[in-house]
Structure formats: structure tokens, C-alpha cells
Amino acid sequence: MPEISRFFGIVIKMFFPTMRRRIIHAGHKALIMIETLEVLRGSLPHRVPALVLEWAATHREELRADWRRARSGRTLAPIPPLE
């Protein structure tokens, strides 16, 4: 599962064939939909969802581009971290 970003101890990975993004934070894990940012499974510490939402909103087009790469079997591009 390729890592696409890392910030504040949060690791963001994307995997195919499902359109989901997996967030891993200090032993906590959650499965989150890219388009809706809905948490499908798992949980994250209180501050983490807000940070991930801010990051995803800032990099929405890059996430979509990586999703297209994943669907076509190409290597994913790193996405800058939240600063």
C-alpha cells in the first residue's frame, strides 16, 4: 500500500481497487473514502480527522490524480504534507 503523504505523525496511504484512502496514526487506523472523506472503518484520535480533512481539501486534485494513476497501474505521486 503506497504511502502518499506524512505529516504530524499521520501517514496517508492509498490502495486500489477500492476508492479509499487509509490513514494510520500512532497505532490508530481508519479507512476513509477519498470523495466524501467518510470514515468507513476504524477511528482516529480527536484532532486527526480535522487535520486530514484540511490536508485533503487542500490537495483534492492531487488525490484524484493519484487515484487515476492507481487505476491505470502507475506509480503514485507523493503529495505535500500539511504544514
PDB file of N, CA and C in Angstrom:
ATOM      1  N   MET A   1       0.850  -1.169   0.000  1.00  0.00           N
ATOM      2  CA  MET A   1       0.000   0.000   0.000  1.00  0.00           C
ATOM      3  C   MET A   1       0.898   1.235   0.000  1.00  0.00           C
ATOM      4  N   PRO A   2       0.968   1.975  -1.093  1.00  0.00           N
ATOM      5  CA  PRO A   2       1.889   3.098  -1.213  1.00  0.00           C
ATOM      6  C   PRO A   2       1.544   4.278  -0.305  1.00  0.00           C
ATOM      7  N   GLU A   3       2.568   4.776   0.361  1.00  0.00           N
ATOM      8  CA  GLU A   3       2.427   5.986   1.173  1.00  0.00           C
ATOM      9  C   GLU A   3       2.455   7.186   0.236  1.00  0.00           C
ATOM     10  N   ILE A   4       1.497   8.110   0.404  1.00  0.00           N
ATOM     11  CA  ILE A   4       1.480   9.295  -0.448  1.00  0.00           C
ATOM     12  C   ILE A   4       1.783  10.578   0.314  1.00  0.00           C
ATOM     13  N   SER A   5       1.643  10.552   1.647  1.00  0.00           N
ATOM     14  CA  SER A   5       1.979  11.740   2.430  1.00  0.00           C
ATOM     15  C   SER A   5       2.183  11.354   3.887  1.00  0.00           C
ATOM     16  N   ARG A   6       2.891  12.237   4.594  1.00  0.00           N
ATOM     17  CA  ARG A   6       3.141  12.023   6.017  1.00  0.00           C
ATOM     18  C   ARG A   6       3.300  13.397   6.664  1.00  0.00           C
ATOM     19  N   PHE A   7       2.537  13.632   7.736  1.00  0.00           N
ATOM     20  CA  PHE A   7       2.647  14.900   8.456  1.00  0.00           C
ATOM     21  C   PHE A   7       2.112  14.731   9.876  1.00  0.00           C
ATOM     22  N   PHE A   8       2.744  15.411  10.817  1.00  0.00           N
ATOM     23  CA  PHE A   8       2.332  15.396  12.226  1.00  0.00           C
ATOM     24  C   PHE A   8       2.100  13.982  12.765  1.00  0.00           C
ATOM     25  N   GLY A   9       2.906  13.033  12.327  1.00  0.00           N
ATOM     26  CA  GLY A   9       2.751  11.652  12.769  1.00  0.00           C
ATOM     27  C   GLY A   9       1.640  10.887  12.078  1.00  0.00           C
ATOM     28  N   ILE A  10       1.007  11.496  11.100  1.00  0.00           N
ATOM     29  CA  ILE A  10      -0.079  10.872  10.335  1.00  0.00           C
ATOM     30  C   ILE A  10       0.522  10.343   9.033  1.00  0.00           C
ATOM     31  N   VAL A  11       0.239   9.102   8.704  1.00  0.00           N
ATOM     32  CA  VAL A  11       0.701   8.509   7.460  1.00  0.00           C
ATOM     33  C   VAL A  11      -0.523   8.266   6.584  1.00  0.00           C
ATOM     34  N   ILE A  12      -0.461   8.759   5.349  1.00  0.00           N
ATOM     35  CA  ILE A  12      -1.581   8.581   4.422  1.00  0.00           C
ATOM     36  C   ILE A  12      -1.135   7.663   3.301  1.00  0.00           C
ATOM     37  N   LYS A  13      -1.924   6.602   3.104  1.00  0.00           N
ATOM     38  CA  LYS A  13      -1.637   5.615   2.069  1.00  0.00           C
ATOM     39  C   LYS A  13      -2.886   5.433   1.218  1.00  0.00           C
ATOM     40  N   MET A  14      -2.678   5.136  -0.046  1.00  0.00           N
ATOM     41  CA  MET A  14      -3.802   4.897  -0.948  1.00  0.00           C
ATOM     42  C   MET A  14      -3.661   3.489  -1.508  1.00  0.00           C
ATOM     43  N   PHE A  15      -4.786   2.815  -1.637  1.00  0.00           N
ATOM     44  CA  PHE A  15      -4.713   1.496  -2.253  1.00  0.00           C
ATOM     45  C   PHE A  15      -5.858   1.285  -3.223  1.00  0.00           C
ATOM     46  N   PHE A  16      -5.645   0.400  -4.144  1.00  0.00           N
ATOM     47  CA  PHE A  16      -6.565   0.059  -5.217  1.00  0.00           C
ATOM     48  C   PHE A  16      -6.909  -1.412  -5.059  1.00  0.00           C
ATOM     49  N   PRO A  17      -8.075  -1.894  -5.352  1.00  0.00           N
ATOM     50  CA  PRO A  17      -9.050  -1.379  -6.289  1.00  0.00           C
ATOM     51  C   PRO A  17     -10.163  -0.545  -5.682  1.00  0.00           C
ATOM     52  N   THR A  18     -10.265  -0.430  -4.385  1.00  0.00           N
ATOM     53  CA  THR A  18     -11.350   0.374  -3.836  1.00  0.00           C
ATOM     54  C   THR A  18     -10.934   1.824  -3.739  1.00  0.00           C
ATOM     55  N   MET A  19     -11.882   2.719  -3.882  1.00  0.00           N
ATOM     56  CA  MET A  19     -11.577   4.147  -3.863  1.00  0.00           C
ATOM     57  C   MET A  19     -11.551   4.625  -2.426  1.00  0.00           C
ATOM     58  N   ARG A  20     -10.562   4.172  -1.705  1.00  0.00           N
ATOM     59  CA  ARG A  20     -10.457   4.510  -0.297  1.00  0.00           C
ATOM     60  C   ARG A  20      -9.047   4.963   0.002  1.00  0.00           C
ATOM     61  N   ARG A  21      -8.929   5.716   1.036  1.00  0.00           N
ATOM     62  CA  ARG A  21      -7.640   6.168   1.499  1.00  0.00           C
ATOM     63  C   ARG A  21      -7.498   5.645   2.922  1.00  0.00           C
ATOM     64  N   ARG A  22      -6.357   5.136   3.228  1.00  0.00           N
ATOM     65  CA  ARG A  22      -6.162   4.601   4.565  1.00  0.00           C
ATOM     66  C   ARG A  22      -5.271   5.559   5.337  1.00  0.00           C
ATOM     67  N   ILE A  23      -5.722   5.924   6.510  1.00  0.00           N
ATOM     68  CA  ILE A  23      -4.986   6.830   7.374  1.00  0.00           C
ATOM     69  C   ILE A  23      -4.463   6.011   8.547  1.00  0.00           C
ATOM     70  N   ILE A  24      -3.197   6.179   8.860  1.00  0.00           N
ATOM     71  CA  ILE A  24      -2.620   5.469  10.001  1.00  0.00           C
ATOM     72  C   ILE A  24      -1.981   6.511  10.903  1.00  0.00           C
ATOM     73  N   HIS A  25      -2.330   6.508  12.168  1.00  0.00           N
ATOM     74  CA  HIS A  25      -1.799   7.495  13.093  1.00  0.00           C
ATOM     75  C   HIS A  25      -1.455   6.834  14.420  1.00  0.00           C
ATOM     76  N   ALA A  26      -0.180   6.748  14.718  1.00  0.00           N
ATOM     77  CA  ALA A  26       0.308   6.281  16.019  1.00  0.00           C
ATOM     78  C   ALA A  26      -0.450   5.048  16.525  1.00  0.00           C
ATOM     79  N   GLY A  27      -0.579   4.053  15.688  1.00  0.00           N
ATOM     80  CA  GLY A  27      -1.243   2.827  16.099  1.00  0.00           C
ATOM     81  C   GLY A  27      -2.742   2.829  15.870  1.00  0.00           C
ATOM     82  N   HIS A  28      -3.322   3.972  15.572  1.00  0.00           N
ATOM     83  CA  HIS A  28      -4.746   4.053  15.243  1.00  0.00           C
ATOM     84  C   HIS A  28      -4.874   3.960  13.734  1.00  0.00           C
ATOM     85  N   LYS A  29      -5.903   3.310  13.262  1.00  0.00           N
ATOM     86  CA  LYS A  29      -6.102   3.165  11.822  1.00  0.00           C
ATOM     87  C   LYS A  29      -7.544   3.484  11.468  1.00  0.00           C
ATOM     88  N   ALA A  30      -7.724   4.051  10.285  1.00  0.00           N
ATOM     89  CA  ALA A  30      -9.065   4.305   9.780  1.00  0.00           C
ATOM     90  C   ALA A  30      -9.042   4.172   8.266  1.00  0.00           C
ATOM     91  N   LEU A  31     -10.137   3.727   7.720  1.00  0.00           N
ATOM     92  CA  LEU A  31     -10.329   3.621   6.285  1.00  0.00           C
ATOM     93  C   LEU A  31     -11.287   4.739   5.894  1.00  0.00           C
ATOM     94  N   ILE A  32     -10.864   5.620   4.976  1.00  0.00           N
ATOM     95  CA  ILE A  32     -11.626   6.822   4.653  1.00  0.00           C
ATOM     96  C   ILE A  32     -11.827   6.918   3.143  1.00  0.00           C
ATOM     97  N   MET A  33     -13.040   7.224   2.712  1.00  0.00           N
ATOM     98  CA  MET A  33     -13.343   7.417   1.295  1.00  0.00           C
ATOM     99  C   MET A  33     -12.712   8.715   0.809  1.00  0.00           C
ATOM    100  N   ILE A  34     -12.126   8.694  -0.369  1.00  0.00           N
ATOM    101  CA  ILE A  34     -11.496   9.892  -0.919  1.00  0.00           C
ATOM    102  C   ILE A  34     -12.536  10.976  -1.216  1.00  0.00           C
ATOM    103  N   GLU A  35     -13.552  10.629  -1.958  1.00  0.00           N
ATOM    104  CA  GLU A  35     -14.501  11.649  -2.425  1.00  0.00           C
ATOM    105  C   GLU A  35     -15.321  12.275  -1.310  1.00  0.00           C
ATOM    106  N   THR A  36     -15.756  11.476  -0.350  1.00  0.00           N
ATOM    107  CA  THR A  36     -16.639  12.006   0.704  1.00  0.00           C
ATOM    108  C   THR A  36     -15.917  12.273   2.014  1.00  0.00           C
ATOM    109  N   LEU A  37     -14.717  11.715   2.171  1.00  0.00           N
ATOM    110  CA  LEU A  37     -13.941  11.775   3.406  1.00  0.00           C
ATOM    111  C   LEU A  37     -14.683  11.142   4.581  1.00  0.00           C
ATOM    112  N   GLU A  38     -15.571  10.226   4.256  1.00  0.00           N
ATOM    113  CA  GLU A  38     -16.321   9.476   5.269  1.00  0.00           C
ATOM    114  C   GLU A  38     -15.424   8.381   5.847  1.00  0.00           C
ATOM    115  N   VAL A  39     -15.436   8.274   7.183  1.00  0.00           N
ATOM    116  CA  VAL A  39     -14.699   7.200   7.844  1.00  0.00           C
ATOM    117  C   VAL A  39     -15.547   5.939   7.744  1.00  0.00           C
ATOM    118  N   LEU A  40     -15.035   4.938   7.041  1.00  0.00           N
ATOM    119  CA  LEU A  40     -15.769   3.692   6.835  1.00  0.00           C
ATOM    120  C   LEU A  40     -15.513   2.679   7.935  1.00  0.00           C
ATOM    121  N   ARG A  41     -14.293   2.717   8.468  1.00  0.00           N
ATOM    122  CA  ARG A  41     -13.917   1.719   9.466  1.00  0.00           C
ATOM    123  C   ARG A  41     -12.791   2.302  10.304  1.00  0.00           C
ATOM    124  N   GLY A  42     -12.778   1.947  11.577  1.00  0.00           N
ATOM    125  CA  GLY A  42     -11.705   2.389  12.456  1.00  0.00           C
ATOM    126  C   GLY A  42     -12.014   3.728  13.103  1.00  0.00           C
ATOM    127  N   SER A  43     -11.012   4.255  13.778  1.00  0.00           N
ATOM    128  CA  SER A  43     -11.175   5.542  14.441  1.00  0.00           C
ATOM    129  C   SER A  43      -9.819   6.212  14.566  1.00  0.00           C
ATOM    130  N   LEU A  44      -9.864   7.510  14.768  1.00  0.00           N
ATOM    131  CA  LEU A  44      -8.651   8.297  14.905  1.00  0.00           C
ATOM    132  C   LEU A  44      -8.769   9.187  16.139  1.00  0.00           C
ATOM    133  N   PRO A  45      -7.630   9.566  16.734  1.00  0.00           N
ATOM    134  CA  PRO A  45      -7.679  10.489  17.871  1.00  0.00           C
ATOM    135  C   PRO A  45      -8.375  11.798  17.487  1.00  0.00           C
ATOM    136  N   HIS A  46      -8.873  12.488  18.439  1.00  0.00           N
ATOM    137  CA  HIS A  46      -9.738  13.664  18.267  1.00  0.00           C
ATOM    138  C   HIS A  46      -9.249  14.672  17.225  1.00  0.00           C
ATOM    139  N   ARG A  47      -8.014  15.119  17.253  1.00  0.00           N
ATOM    140  CA  ARG A  47      -7.528  16.170  16.348  1.00  0.00           C
ATOM    141  C   ARG A  47      -7.250  15.671  14.936  1.00  0.00           C
ATOM    142  N   VAL A  48      -6.992  14.416  14.781  1.00  0.00           N
ATOM    143  CA  VAL A  48      -6.514  13.891  13.496  1.00  0.00           C
ATOM    144  C   VAL A  48      -7.516  14.068  12.353  1.00  0.00           C
ATOM    145  N   PRO A  49      -8.805  13.758  12.524  1.00  0.00           N
ATOM    146  CA  PRO A  49      -9.726  13.932  11.391  1.00  0.00           C
ATOM    147  C   PRO A  49      -9.728  15.356  10.828  1.00  0.00           C
ATOM    148  N   ALA A  50      -9.657  16.366  11.690  1.00  0.00           N
ATOM    149  CA  ALA A  50      -9.649  17.749  11.216  1.00  0.00           C
ATOM    150  C   ALA A  50      -8.397  18.035  10.387  1.00  0.00           C
ATOM    151  N   LEU A  51      -7.247  17.511  10.825  1.00  0.00           N
ATOM    152  CA  LEU A  51      -6.006  17.702  10.069  1.00  0.00           C
ATOM    153  C   LEU A  51      -6.080  17.017   8.713  1.00  0.00           C
ATOM    154  N   VAL A  52      -6.606  15.796   8.698  1.00  0.00           N
ATOM    155  CA  VAL A  52      -6.728  15.044   7.446  1.00  0.00           C
ATOM    156  C   VAL A  52      -7.704  15.740   6.504  1.00  0.00           C
ATOM    157  N   LEU A  53      -8.820  16.236   7.019  1.00  0.00           N
ATOM    158  CA  LEU A  53      -9.782  16.957   6.177  1.00  0.00           C
ATOM    159  C   LEU A  53      -9.160  18.214   5.577  1.00  0.00           C
ATOM    160  N   GLU A  54      -8.416  18.947   6.382  1.00  0.00           N
ATOM    161  CA  GLU A  54      -7.750  20.146   5.882  1.00  0.00           C
ATOM    162  C   GLU A  54      -6.756  19.788   4.773  1.00  0.00           C
ATOM    163  N   TRP A  55      -5.956  18.751   5.017  1.00  0.00           N
ATOM    164  CA  TRP A  55      -4.985  18.289   4.018  1.00  0.00           C
ATOM    165  C   TRP A  55      -5.691  17.851   2.736  1.00  0.00           C
ATOM    166  N   ALA A  56      -6.736  17.051   2.875  1.00  0.00           N
ATOM    167  CA  ALA A  56      -7.449  16.518   1.705  1.00  0.00           C
ATOM    168  C   ALA A  56      -8.117  17.631   0.904  1.00  0.00           C
ATOM    169  N   ALA A  57      -8.678  18.607   1.589  1.00  0.00           N
ATOM    170  CA  ALA A  57      -9.314  19.725   0.885  1.00  0.00           C
ATOM    171  C   ALA A  57      -8.280  20.523   0.098  1.00  0.00           C
ATOM    172  N   THR A  58      -7.105  20.696   0.668  1.00  0.00           N
ATOM    173  CA  THR A  58      -6.025  21.429   0.014  1.00  0.00           C
ATOM    174  C   THR A  58      -5.484  20.674  -1.194  1.00  0.00           C
ATOM    175  N   HIS A  59      -5.491  19.346  -1.114  1.00  0.00           N
ATOM    176  CA  HIS A  59      -4.863  18.517  -2.156  1.00  0.00           C
ATOM    177  C   HIS A  59      -5.865  17.624  -2.895  1.00  0.00           C
ATOM    178  N   ARG A  60      -7.098  18.067  -2.996  1.00  0.00           N
ATOM    179  CA  ARG A  60      -8.162  17.247  -3.614  1.00  0.00           C
ATOM    180  C   ARG A  60      -7.785  16.820  -5.035  1.00  0.00           C
ATOM    181  N   GLU A  61      -7.290  17.733  -5.857  1.00  0.00           N
ATOM    182  CA  GLU A  61      -6.949  17.383  -7.243  1.00  0.00           C
ATOM    183  C   GLU A  61      -5.777  16.410  -7.296  1.00  0.00           C
ATOM    184  N   GLU A  62      -4.794  16.565  -6.413  1.00  0.00           N
ATOM    185  CA  GLU A  62      -3.671  15.632  -6.389  1.00  0.00           C
ATOM    186  C   GLU A  62      -4.130  14.236  -5.962  1.00  0.00           C
ATOM    187  N   LEU A  63      -5.076  14.176  -5.029  1.00  0.00           N
ATOM    188  CA  LEU A  63      -5.640  12.882  -4.627  1.00  0.00           C
ATOM    189  C   LEU A  63      -6.344  12.216  -5.803  1.00  0.00           C
ATOM    190  N   ARG A  64      -7.113  12.999  -6.530  1.00  0.00           N
ATOM    191  CA  ARG A  64      -7.811  12.443  -7.698  1.00  0.00           C
ATOM    192  C   ARG A  64      -6.817  11.970  -8.756  1.00  0.00           C
ATOM    193  N   ALA A  65      -5.741  12.737  -8.959  1.00  0.00           N
ATOM    194  CA  ALA A  65      -4.722  12.347  -9.937  1.00  0.00           C
ATOM    195  C   ALA A  65      -4.048  11.044  -9.513  1.00  0.00           C
ATOM    196  N   ASP A  66      -3.750  10.903  -8.220  1.00  0.00           N
ATOM    197  CA  ASP A  66      -3.158   9.651  -7.737  1.00  0.00           C
ATOM    198  C   ASP A  66      -4.137   8.494  -7.907  1.00  0.00           C
ATOM    199  N   TRP A  67      -5.407   8.758  -7.701  1.00  0.00           N
ATOM    200  CA  TRP A  67      -6.401   7.705  -7.894  1.00  0.00           C
ATOM    201  C   TRP A  67      -6.408   7.234  -9.345  1.00  0.00           C
ATOM    202  N   ARG A  68      -6.326   8.188 -10.287  1.00  0.00           N
ATOM    203  CA  ARG A  68      -6.265   7.814 -11.705  1.00  0.00           C
ATOM    204  C   ARG A  68      -5.000   6.998 -11.992  1.00  0.00           C
ATOM    205  N   ARG A  69      -3.891   7.400 -11.384  1.00  0.00           N
ATOM    206  CA  ARG A  69      -2.648   6.630 -11.550  1.00  0.00           C
ATOM    207  C   ARG A  69      -2.823   5.207 -11.025  1.00  0.00           C
ATOM    208  N   ALA A  70      -3.418   5.078  -9.841  1.00  0.00           N
ATOM    209  CA  ALA A  70      -3.625   3.754  -9.239  1.00  0.00           C
ATOM    210  C   ALA A  70      -4.478   2.883 -10.151  1.00  0.00           C
ATOM    211  N   ARG A  71      -5.543   3.452 -10.705  1.00  0.00           N
ATOM    212  CA  ARG A  71      -6.439   2.690 -11.583  1.00  0.00           C
ATOM    213  C   ARG A  71      -5.745   2.214 -12.851  1.00  0.00           C
ATOM    214  N   SER A  72      -4.746   2.972 -13.305  1.00  0.00           N
ATOM    215  CA  SER A  72      -4.057   2.578 -14.533  1.00  0.00           C
ATOM    216  C   SER A  72      -2.764   1.816 -14.249  1.00  0.00           C
ATOM    217  N   GLY A  73      -2.525   1.492 -12.980  1.00  0.00           N
ATOM    218  CA  GLY A  73      -1.365   0.686 -12.621  1.00  0.00           C
ATOM    219  C   GLY A  73      -0.056   1.449 -12.562  1.00  0.00           C
ATOM    220  N   ARG A  74      -0.123   2.774 -12.553  1.00  0.00           N
ATOM    221  CA  ARG A  74       1.093   3.585 -12.498  1.00  0.00           C
ATOM    222  C   ARG A  74       1.483   3.877 -11.043  1.00  0.00           C
ATOM    223  N   THR A  75       2.709   4.291 -10.865  1.00  0.00           N
ATOM    224  CA  THR A  75       3.222   4.657  -9.545  1.00  0.00           C
ATOM    225  C   THR A  75       2.547   5.932  -9.071  1.00  0.00           C
ATOM    226  N   LEU A  76       2.174   5.966  -7.781  1.00  0.00           N
ATOM    227  CA  LEU A  76       1.533   7.133  -7.212  1.00  0.00           C
ATOM    228  C   LEU A  76       2.554   8.229  -6.941  1.00  0.00           C
ATOM    229  N   ALA A  77       2.111   9.468  -7.050  1.00  0.00           N
ATOM    230  CA  ALA A  77       2.970  10.613  -6.772  1.00  0.00           C
ATOM    231  C   ALA A  77       2.814  11.020  -5.313  1.00  0.00           C
ATOM    232  N   PRO A  78       3.908  11.395  -4.665  1.00  0.00           N
ATOM    233  CA  PRO A  78       3.788  11.912  -3.296  1.00  0.00           C
ATOM    234  C   PRO A  78       2.998  13.213  -3.301  1.00  0.00           C
ATOM    235  N   ILE A  79       2.283  13.459  -2.227  1.00  0.00           N
ATOM    236  CA  ILE A  79       1.517  14.684  -2.076  1.00  0.00           C
ATOM    237  C   ILE A  79       2.111  15.439  -0.898  1.00  0.00           C
ATOM    238  N   PRO A  80       2.356  16.748  -1.046  1.00  0.00           N
ATOM    239  CA  PRO A  80       2.975  17.508   0.036  1.00  0.00           C
ATOM    240  C   PRO A  80       2.190  17.387   1.350  1.00  0.00           C
ATOM    241  N   PRO A  81       2.917  17.436   2.459  1.00  0.00           N
ATOM    242  CA  PRO A  81       2.262  17.334   3.759  1.00  0.00           C
ATOM    243  C   PRO A  81       1.543  18.631   4.141  1.00  0.00           C
ATOM    244  N   LEU A  82       0.711  18.525   5.134  1.00  0.00           N
ATOM    245  CA  LEU A  82       0.089  19.688   5.740  1.00  0.00           C
ATOM    246  C   LEU A  82       1.161  20.408   6.538  1.00  0.00           C
ATOM    247  N   GLU A  83       1.228  21.699   6.409  1.00  0.00           N
ATOM    248  CA  GLU A  83       2.246  22.461   7.151  1.00  0.00           C
ATOM    249  C   GLU A  83       1.607  23.388   8.136  1.00  0.00           C
TER     250      GLU A  83
END
